[in-house]
């Protein structure tokens, strides 16, 4: 069943989404609506020229932070410290680079100008975050997503150098674990994320986890790695 999203700030029960995971059409990308969506297990995903589409897929791809798997070759690269990894140093640049990356299974980008501006607003109020990989002073990889309560929802990543986004991702997951954030929402299945230990769970299970995790105190504001944080692979 697909719903027309009303002007009032509410969403239908995500368990009513159609078999593809599509729940609703319309609404807006205001900060309050986006936060309500993520706290409800829903996210926007659409292409240029389409209306705003809201999704809650079944099954859902998730990664428990304490189950992260790092391939031996990647762990070796991390120990080499080829890249400098930062948090929330260049959100606008990261999302712009993610939008410009061609995807083999997509025609164009789903990060429209409207989406980019909405997540920039979400970053300004302290809920959207980026992880950056630098080679010298050059941004060579990264990812961004949304943090609510003790849940992080990943959105997109890019890499201009070998393993740059993967190394950034490992740093993020390790830090989230230190902050007692037990779950990364990966949204839909990819072999790339499966190699890190992500797995599919029924939507009903995910929604139960969201209810327990997303309603607790938010870590709002710019994120930084702990002073004593060191990722050794």
C-alpha atoms as a PDB file:
ATOM      1  CA  UNK A   1       0.000   0.000   0.000  1.00  0.00           C
ATOM      2  CA  UNK A   2       1.400   3.421  -0.991  1.00  0.00           C
ATOM      3  CA  UNK A   3       0.218   6.524   0.871  1.00  0.00           C
ATOM      4  CA  UNK A   4       0.145  10.185  -0.038  1.00  0.00           C
ATOM      5  CA  UNK A   5       2.180  11.867   2.694  1.00  0.00           C
ATOM      6  CA  UNK A   6       0.084  14.669   4.218  1.00  0.00           C
ATOM      7  CA  UNK A   7       1.178  18.190   5.110  1.00  0.00           C
ATOM      8  CA  UNK A   8       0.831  17.547   8.861  1.00  0.00           C
ATOM      9  CA  UNK A   9       3.965  16.059  10.377  1.00  0.00           C
ATOM     10  CA  UNK A  10       3.178  12.352  10.407  1.00  0.00           C
ATOM     11  CA  UNK A  11       3.860   9.114   8.520  1.00  0.00           C
ATOM     12  CA  UNK A  12       1.776   5.971   8.070  1.00  0.00           C
ATOM     13  CA  UNK A  13       2.881   2.819   9.856  1.00  0.00           C
ATOM     14  CA  UNK A  14       5.940   1.586   7.874  1.00  0.00           C
ATOM     15  CA  UNK A  15       4.684  -1.988   8.101  1.00  0.00           C
ATOM     16  CA  UNK A  16       2.116  -0.973   5.453  1.00  0.00           C
ATOM     17  CA  UNK A  17       4.813  -0.350   2.803  1.00  0.00           C
ATOM     18  CA  UNK A  18       4.356  -2.206  -0.479  1.00  0.00           C
ATOM     19  CA  UNK A  19       6.560  -5.255  -1.275  1.00  0.00           C
ATOM     20  CA  UNK A  20       9.285  -3.046  -2.784  1.00  0.00           C
ATOM     21  CA  UNK A  21       9.512  -1.078   0.457  1.00  0.00           C
ATOM     22  CA  UNK A  22       7.841   2.051  -0.915  1.00  0.00           C
ATOM     23  CA  UNK A  23       5.613   3.575   1.749  1.00  0.00           C
ATOM     24  CA  UNK A  24       4.558   7.013   0.602  1.00  0.00           C
ATOM     25  CA  UNK A  25       4.793   9.859  -1.888  1.00  0.00           C
ATOM     26  CA  UNK A  26       5.001  13.593  -1.243  1.00  0.00           C
ATOM     27  CA  UNK A  27       5.510  15.646   1.870  1.00  0.00           C
ATOM     28  CA  UNK A  28       8.679  17.681   2.289  1.00  0.00           C
ATOM     29  CA  UNK A  29      12.300  17.387   3.381  1.00  0.00           C
ATOM     30  CA  UNK A  30      12.163  19.708   6.357  1.00  0.00           C
ATOM     31  CA  UNK A  31      14.379  18.948   9.335  1.00  0.00           C
ATOM     32  CA  UNK A  32      11.432  17.912  11.570  1.00  0.00           C
ATOM     33  CA  UNK A  33      10.072  15.530   8.923  1.00  0.00           C
ATOM     34  CA  UNK A  34      13.442  13.954   8.229  1.00  0.00           C
ATOM     35  CA  UNK A  35      14.062  13.386  11.938  1.00  0.00           C
ATOM     36  CA  UNK A  36      10.606  11.854  12.325  1.00  0.00           C
ATOM     37  CA  UNK A  37      11.302   9.604   9.345  1.00  0.00           C
ATOM     38  CA  UNK A  38      14.590   8.264  10.728  1.00  0.00           C
ATOM     39  CA  UNK A  39      13.042   7.748  14.162  1.00  0.00           C
ATOM     40  CA  UNK A  40      10.295   5.748  12.427  1.00  0.00           C
ATOM     41  CA  UNK A  41      12.521   3.505  10.284  1.00  0.00           C
ATOM     42  CA  UNK A  42      11.775   5.453   7.085  1.00  0.00           C
ATOM     43  CA  UNK A  43      14.064   7.290   4.665  1.00  0.00           C
ATOM     44  CA  UNK A  44      13.667   9.346   1.439  1.00  0.00           C
ATOM     45  CA  UNK A  45      15.055   8.073  -1.864  1.00  0.00           C
ATOM     46  CA  UNK A  46      14.077   9.345  -5.284  1.00  0.00           C
ATOM     47  CA  UNK A  47      15.540  10.675  -8.536  1.00  0.00           C
ATOM     48  CA  UNK A  48      15.428  14.030 -10.264  1.00  0.00           C
ATOM     49  CA  UNK A  49      11.977  14.662 -11.733  1.00  0.00           C
ATOM     50  CA  UNK A  50      10.209  12.326  -9.291  1.00  0.00           C
ATOM     51  CA  UNK A  51       8.160  13.357  -6.275  1.00  0.00           C
ATOM     52  CA  UNK A  52       9.664  12.677  -2.854  1.00  0.00           C
ATOM     53  CA  UNK A  53       9.456   8.924  -2.201  1.00  0.00           C
ATOM     54  CA  UNK A  54       9.617   7.435   1.301  1.00  0.00           C
ATOM     55  CA  UNK A  55      10.850   3.882   1.924  1.00  0.00           C
ATOM     56  CA  UNK A  56      10.932   1.238   4.629  1.00  0.00           C
ATOM     57  CA  UNK A  57      12.283  -1.926   2.974  1.00  0.00           C
ATOM     58  CA  UNK A  58      11.754  -5.473   4.154  1.00  0.00           C
ATOM     59  CA  UNK A  59      14.246  -6.965   4.864  1.00  0.00           C
ATOM     60  CA  UNK A  60      16.508  -4.215   6.215  1.00  0.00           C
ATOM     61  CA  UNK A  61      20.304  -4.285   6.001  1.00  0.00           C
ATOM     62  CA  UNK A  62      21.979  -3.534   9.344  1.00  0.00           C
ATOM     63  CA  UNK A  63      25.439  -3.757  10.875  1.00  0.00           C
ATOM     64  CA  UNK A  64      25.804  -4.247  14.646  1.00  0.00           C
ATOM     65  CA  UNK A  65      28.877  -2.190  15.528  1.00  0.00           C
ATOM     66  CA  UNK A  66      30.330  -5.005  17.645  1.00  0.00           C
ATOM     67  CA  UNK A  67      30.148  -7.389  14.676  1.00  0.00           C
ATOM     68  CA  UNK A  68      32.226  -5.322  12.244  1.00  0.00           C
ATOM     69  CA  UNK A  69      34.490  -7.515  10.127  1.00  0.00           C
ATOM     70  CA  UNK A  70      37.615  -5.941   8.627  1.00  0.00           C
ATOM     71  CA  UNK A  71      39.350  -7.951   5.876  1.00  0.00           C
ATOM     72  CA  UNK A  72      43.016  -8.582   6.571  1.00  0.00           C
ATOM     73  CA  UNK A  73      44.182  -6.571   3.553  1.00  0.00           C
ATOM     74  CA  UNK A  74      42.095  -3.569   4.631  1.00  0.00           C
ATOM     75  CA  UNK A  75      43.343  -3.805   8.217  1.00  0.00           C
ATOM     76  CA  UNK A  76      46.884  -3.651   6.843  1.00  0.00           C
ATOM     77  CA  UNK A  77      46.054  -0.492   4.889  1.00  0.00           C
ATOM     78  CA  UNK A  78      44.554   1.079   8.003  1.00  0.00           C
ATOM     79  CA  UNK A  79      47.742   0.410   9.967  1.00  0.00           C
ATOM     80  CA  UNK A  80      49.767   2.075   7.205  1.00  0.00           C
ATOM     81  CA  UNK A  81      47.902   5.329   7.992  1.00  0.00           C
ATOM     82  CA  UNK A  82      47.972   6.473   4.398  1.00  0.00           C
ATOM     83  CA  UNK A  83      44.903   8.635   4.971  1.00  0.00           C
ATOM     84  CA  UNK A  84      44.017  11.104   7.696  1.00  0.00           C
ATOM     85  CA  UNK A  85      40.451  10.467   8.884  1.00  0.00           C
ATOM     86  CA  UNK A  86      38.239  13.210  10.326  1.00  0.00           C
ATOM     87  CA  UNK A  87      34.653  13.646  11.481  1.00  0.00           C
ATOM     88  CA  UNK A  88      32.397  16.526  10.392  1.00  0.00           C
ATOM     89  CA  UNK A  89      35.202  18.561   8.853  1.00  0.00           C
ATOM     90  CA  UNK A  90      33.801  18.815   5.293  1.00  0.00           C
ATOM     91  CA  UNK A  91      30.168  17.703   5.207  1.00  0.00           C
ATOM     92  CA  UNK A  92      29.193  19.859   2.223  1.00  0.00           C
ATOM     93  CA  UNK A  93      32.141  18.582   0.181  1.00  0.00           C
ATOM     94  CA  UNK A  94      31.409  14.951   1.056  1.00  0.00           C
ATOM     95  CA  UNK A  95      27.751  15.081   0.063  1.00  0.00           C
ATOM     96  CA  UNK A  96      28.613  16.914  -3.162  1.00  0.00           C
ATOM     97  CA  UNK A  97      31.184  14.279  -4.062  1.00  0.00           C
ATOM     98  CA  UNK A  98      28.737  11.494  -3.258  1.00  0.00           C
ATOM     99  CA  UNK A  99      26.209  13.139  -5.573  1.00  0.00           C
ATOM    100  CA  UNK A 100      28.697  13.305  -8.439  1.00  0.00           C
ATOM    101  CA  UNK A 101      29.807   9.670  -8.321  1.00  0.00           C
ATOM    102  CA  UNK A 102      28.395   7.456 -11.061  1.00  0.00           C
ATOM    103  CA  UNK A 103      26.799   4.219  -9.864  1.00  0.00           C
ATOM    104  CA  UNK A 104      26.847   1.155 -12.156  1.00  0.00           C
ATOM    105  CA  UNK A 105      23.219   0.282 -11.341  1.00  0.00           C
ATOM    106  CA  UNK A 106      21.809   3.820 -11.416  1.00  0.00           C
ATOM    107  CA  UNK A 107      21.040   6.317 -14.162  1.00  0.00           C
ATOM    108  CA  UNK A 108      22.050   9.630 -12.594  1.00  0.00           C
ATOM    109  CA  UNK A 109      22.074  10.432  -8.897  1.00  0.00           C
ATOM    110  CA  UNK A 110      19.423  10.184  -6.206  1.00  0.00           C
ATOM    111  CA  UNK A 111      21.128  13.010  -4.303  1.00  0.00           C
ATOM    112  CA  UNK A 112      19.208  15.810  -5.976  1.00  0.00           C
ATOM    113  CA  UNK A 113      19.836  19.474  -5.212  1.00  0.00           C
ATOM    114  CA  UNK A 114      16.762  19.334  -2.960  1.00  0.00           C
ATOM    115  CA  UNK A 115      18.143  16.335  -1.079  1.00  0.00           C
ATOM    116  CA  UNK A 116      21.582  17.891  -0.721  1.00  0.00           C
ATOM    117  CA  UNK A 117      20.142  21.107   0.686  1.00  0.00           C
ATOM    118  CA  UNK A 118      17.926  19.172   3.106  1.00  0.00           C
ATOM    119  CA  UNK A 119      20.847  17.184   4.521  1.00  0.00           C
ATOM    120  CA  UNK A 120      22.953  20.319   4.748  1.00  0.00           C
ATOM    121  CA  UNK A 121      20.171  21.735   6.934  1.00  0.00           C
ATOM    122  CA  UNK A 122      20.191  18.525   8.957  1.00  0.00           C
ATOM    123  CA  UNK A 123      23.949  18.863   9.382  1.00  0.00           C
ATOM    124  CA  UNK A 124      23.614  22.490  10.490  1.00  0.00           C
ATOM    125  CA  UNK A 125      21.375  21.435  13.386  1.00  0.00           C
ATOM    126  CA  UNK A 126      23.748  18.634  14.367  1.00  0.00           C
ATOM    127  CA  UNK A 127      22.057  15.450  13.132  1.00  0.00           C
ATOM    128  CA  UNK A 128      23.763  14.690   9.797  1.00  0.00           C
ATOM    129  CA  UNK A 129      27.443  13.775   9.943  1.00  0.00           C
ATOM    130  CA  UNK A 130      30.331  13.084   7.606  1.00  0.00           C
ATOM    131  CA  UNK A 131      33.543  11.103   7.810  1.00  0.00           C
ATOM    132  CA  UNK A 132      36.397  12.264   5.619  1.00  0.00           C
ATOM    133  CA  UNK A 133      39.550  10.603   4.306  1.00  0.00           C
ATOM    134  CA  UNK A 134      42.357  13.005   3.384  1.00  0.00           C
ATOM    135  CA  UNK A 135      45.568  12.527   1.443  1.00  0.00           C
ATOM    136  CA  UNK A 136      47.522  15.563   2.520  1.00  0.00           C
ATOM    137  CA  UNK A 137      45.031  18.410   2.140  1.00  0.00           C
ATOM    138  CA  UNK A 138      43.008  16.640  -0.567  1.00  0.00           C
ATOM    139  CA  UNK A 139      39.669  15.007   0.223  1.00  0.00           C
ATOM    140  CA  UNK A 140      39.897  11.545  -1.339  1.00  0.00           C
ATOM    141  CA  UNK A 141      36.999   9.642   0.220  1.00  0.00           C
ATOM    142  CA  UNK A 142      34.226   9.724   2.746  1.00  0.00           C
ATOM    143  CA  UNK A 143      30.640   9.043   3.678  1.00  0.00           C
ATOM    144  CA  UNK A 144      27.721  10.711   5.403  1.00  0.00           C
ATOM    145  CA  UNK A 145      24.623   9.716   7.317  1.00  0.00           C
ATOM    146  CA  UNK A 146      22.218  10.622  10.094  1.00  0.00           C
ATOM    147  CA  UNK A 147      22.531  10.004  13.818  1.00  0.00           C
ATOM    148  CA  UNK A 148      19.451   9.842  16.045  1.00  0.00           C
ATOM    149  CA  UNK A 149      19.632   8.471  19.566  1.00  0.00           C
ATOM    150  CA  UNK A 150      21.872   5.394  19.541  1.00  0.00           C
ATOM    151  CA  UNK A 151      21.332   4.698  15.840  1.00  0.00           C
ATOM    152  CA  UNK A 152      23.367   5.777  12.818  1.00  0.00           C
ATOM    153  CA  UNK A 153      21.841   5.562   9.336  1.00  0.00           C
ATOM    154  CA  UNK A 154      24.374   5.541   6.525  1.00  0.00           C
ATOM    155  CA  UNK A 155      23.426   7.316   3.311  1.00  0.00           C
ATOM    156  CA  UNK A 156      26.210   7.382   0.724  1.00  0.00           C
ATOM    157  CA  UNK A 157      29.968   7.190   0.255  1.00  0.00           C
ATOM    158  CA  UNK A 158      32.620   7.961  -2.356  1.00  0.00           C
ATOM    159  CA  UNK A 159      36.285   7.162  -2.907  1.00  0.00           C
ATOM    160  CA  UNK A 160      38.876   8.728  -5.203  1.00  0.00           C
ATOM    161  CA  UNK A 161      41.715   6.604  -3.819  1.00  0.00           C
ATOM    162  CA  UNK A 162      41.912   2.867  -3.052  1.00  0.00           C
ATOM    163  CA  UNK A 163      39.909   1.914   0.051  1.00  0.00           C
ATOM    164  CA  UNK A 164      39.516   5.535   1.190  1.00  0.00           C
ATOM    165  CA  UNK A 165      35.786   5.284   1.944  1.00  0.00           C
ATOM    166  CA  UNK A 166      36.174   1.805   3.457  1.00  0.00           C
ATOM    167  CA  UNK A 167      38.820   3.043   5.870  1.00  0.00           C
ATOM    168  CA  UNK A 168      36.631   6.017   6.789  1.00  0.00           C
ATOM    169  CA  UNK A 169      33.739   3.627   7.401  1.00  0.00           C
ATOM    170  CA  UNK A 170      35.788   1.384   9.696  1.00  0.00           C
ATOM    171  CA  UNK A 171      36.891   4.406  11.728  1.00  0.00           C
ATOM    172  CA  UNK A 172      33.280   5.535  12.074  1.00  0.00           C
ATOM    173  CA  UNK A 173      31.980   2.140  13.192  1.00  0.00           C
ATOM    174  CA  UNK A 174      34.780   1.765  15.739  1.00  0.00           C
ATOM    175  CA  UNK A 175      34.005   5.196  17.177  1.00  0.00           C
ATOM    176  CA  UNK A 176      30.255   4.530  17.248  1.00  0.00           C
ATOM    177  CA  UNK A 177      30.976   1.408  19.268  1.00  0.00           C
ATOM    178  CA  UNK A 178      32.921   3.480  21.796  1.00  0.00           C
ATOM    179  CA  UNK A 179      29.897   5.793  22.078  1.00  0.00           C
ATOM    180  CA  UNK A 180      27.603   2.850  22.807  1.00  0.00           C
ATOM    181  CA  UNK A 181      25.835   3.167  19.451  1.00  0.00           C
ATOM    182  CA  UNK A 182      25.088  -0.493  18.711  1.00  0.00           C
ATOM    183  CA  UNK A 183      23.608  -0.347  15.212  1.00  0.00           C
ATOM    184  CA  UNK A 184      24.338   1.086  11.773  1.00  0.00           C
ATOM    185  CA  UNK A 185      21.367   1.128   9.412  1.00  0.00           C
ATOM    186  CA  UNK A 186      22.668   0.215   5.950  1.00  0.00           C
ATOM    187  CA  UNK A 187      19.140   0.345   4.455  1.00  0.00           C
ATOM    188  CA  UNK A 188      19.403  -2.128   1.552  1.00  0.00           C
ATOM    189  CA  UNK A 189      21.632  -5.072   0.708  1.00  0.00           C
ATOM    190  CA  UNK A 190      24.978  -4.598  -0.991  1.00  0.00           C
ATOM    191  CA  UNK A 191      27.811  -7.116  -1.239  1.00  0.00           C
ATOM    192  CA  UNK A 192      30.190  -4.339  -0.178  1.00  0.00           C
ATOM    193  CA  UNK A 193      28.466  -3.918   3.193  1.00  0.00           C
ATOM    194  CA  UNK A 194      27.937  -7.650   3.620  1.00  0.00           C
ATOM    195  CA  UNK A 195      31.715  -8.092   3.575  1.00  0.00           C
ATOM    196  CA  UNK A 196      31.875  -5.844   6.641  1.00  0.00           C
ATOM    197  CA  UNK A 197      29.439  -8.059   8.518  1.00  0.00           C
ATOM    198  CA  UNK A 198      26.164  -6.329   7.666  1.00  0.00           C
ATOM    199  CA  UNK A 199      23.164  -8.608   7.346  1.00  0.00           C
ATOM    200  CA  UNK A 200      19.494  -8.480   6.471  1.00  0.00           C
ATOM    201  CA  UNK A 201      16.867  -8.607   9.218  1.00  0.00           C
ATOM    202  CA  UNK A 202      13.060  -8.549   8.981  1.00  0.00           C
ATOM    203  CA  UNK A 203      11.591  -5.060   8.925  1.00  0.00           C
ATOM    204  CA  UNK A 204       9.585  -5.836  12.049  1.00  0.00           C
ATOM    205  CA  UNK A 205      12.812  -6.614  13.925  1.00  0.00           C
ATOM    206  CA  UNK A 206      14.455  -3.433  12.672  1.00  0.00           C
ATOM    207  CA  UNK A 207      11.482  -1.288  13.645  1.00  0.00           C
ATOM    208  CA  UNK A 208      11.644  -2.724  17.150  1.00  0.00           C
ATOM    209  CA  UNK A 209      15.322  -1.802  17.326  1.00  0.00           C
ATOM    210  CA  UNK A 210      14.605   1.722  16.071  1.00  0.00           C
ATOM    211  CA  UNK A 211      11.951   2.198  18.717  1.00  0.00           C
ATOM    212  CA  UNK A 212      14.424   1.213  21.426  1.00  0.00           C
ATOM    213  CA  UNK A 213      17.419   3.135  20.081  1.00  0.00           C
ATOM    214  CA  UNK A 214      16.183   6.281  18.357  1.00  0.00           C
ATOM    215  CA  UNK A 215      14.207   7.673  21.281  1.00  0.00           C
ATOM    216  CA  UNK A 216      17.123   8.052  23.684  1.00  0.00           C
ATOM    217  CA  UNK A 217      19.305  11.143  24.070  1.00  0.00           C
ATOM    218  CA  UNK A 218      20.709  12.390  20.774  1.00  0.00           C
ATOM    219  CA  UNK A 219      24.410  13.148  20.260  1.00  0.00           C
ATOM    220  CA  UNK A 220      23.694  16.514  18.633  1.00  0.00           C
ATOM    221  CA  UNK A 221      26.343  18.827  17.209  1.00  0.00           C
ATOM    222  CA  UNK A 222      29.642  18.360  15.423  1.00  0.00           C
ATOM    223  CA  UNK A 223      31.206  14.953  16.002  1.00  0.00           C
ATOM    224  CA  UNK A 224      34.880  14.399  16.711  1.00  0.00           C
ATOM    225  CA  UNK A 225      36.861  11.251  17.371  1.00  0.00           C
ATOM    226  CA  UNK A 226      37.686  10.651  21.024  1.00  0.00           C
ATOM    227  CA  UNK A 227      41.039  12.121  21.999  1.00  0.00           C
ATOM    228  CA  UNK A 228      42.426   8.652  22.711  1.00  0.00           C
ATOM    229  CA  UNK A 229      40.797   6.990  19.705  1.00  0.00           C
ATOM    230  CA  UNK A 230      43.089   5.005  17.449  1.00  0.00           C
ATOM    231  CA  UNK A 231      41.875   2.660  14.741  1.00  0.00           C
ATOM    232  CA  UNK A 232      44.351  -0.156  14.207  1.00  0.00           C
ATOM    233  CA  UNK A 233      42.250  -2.195  11.787  1.00  0.00           C
END
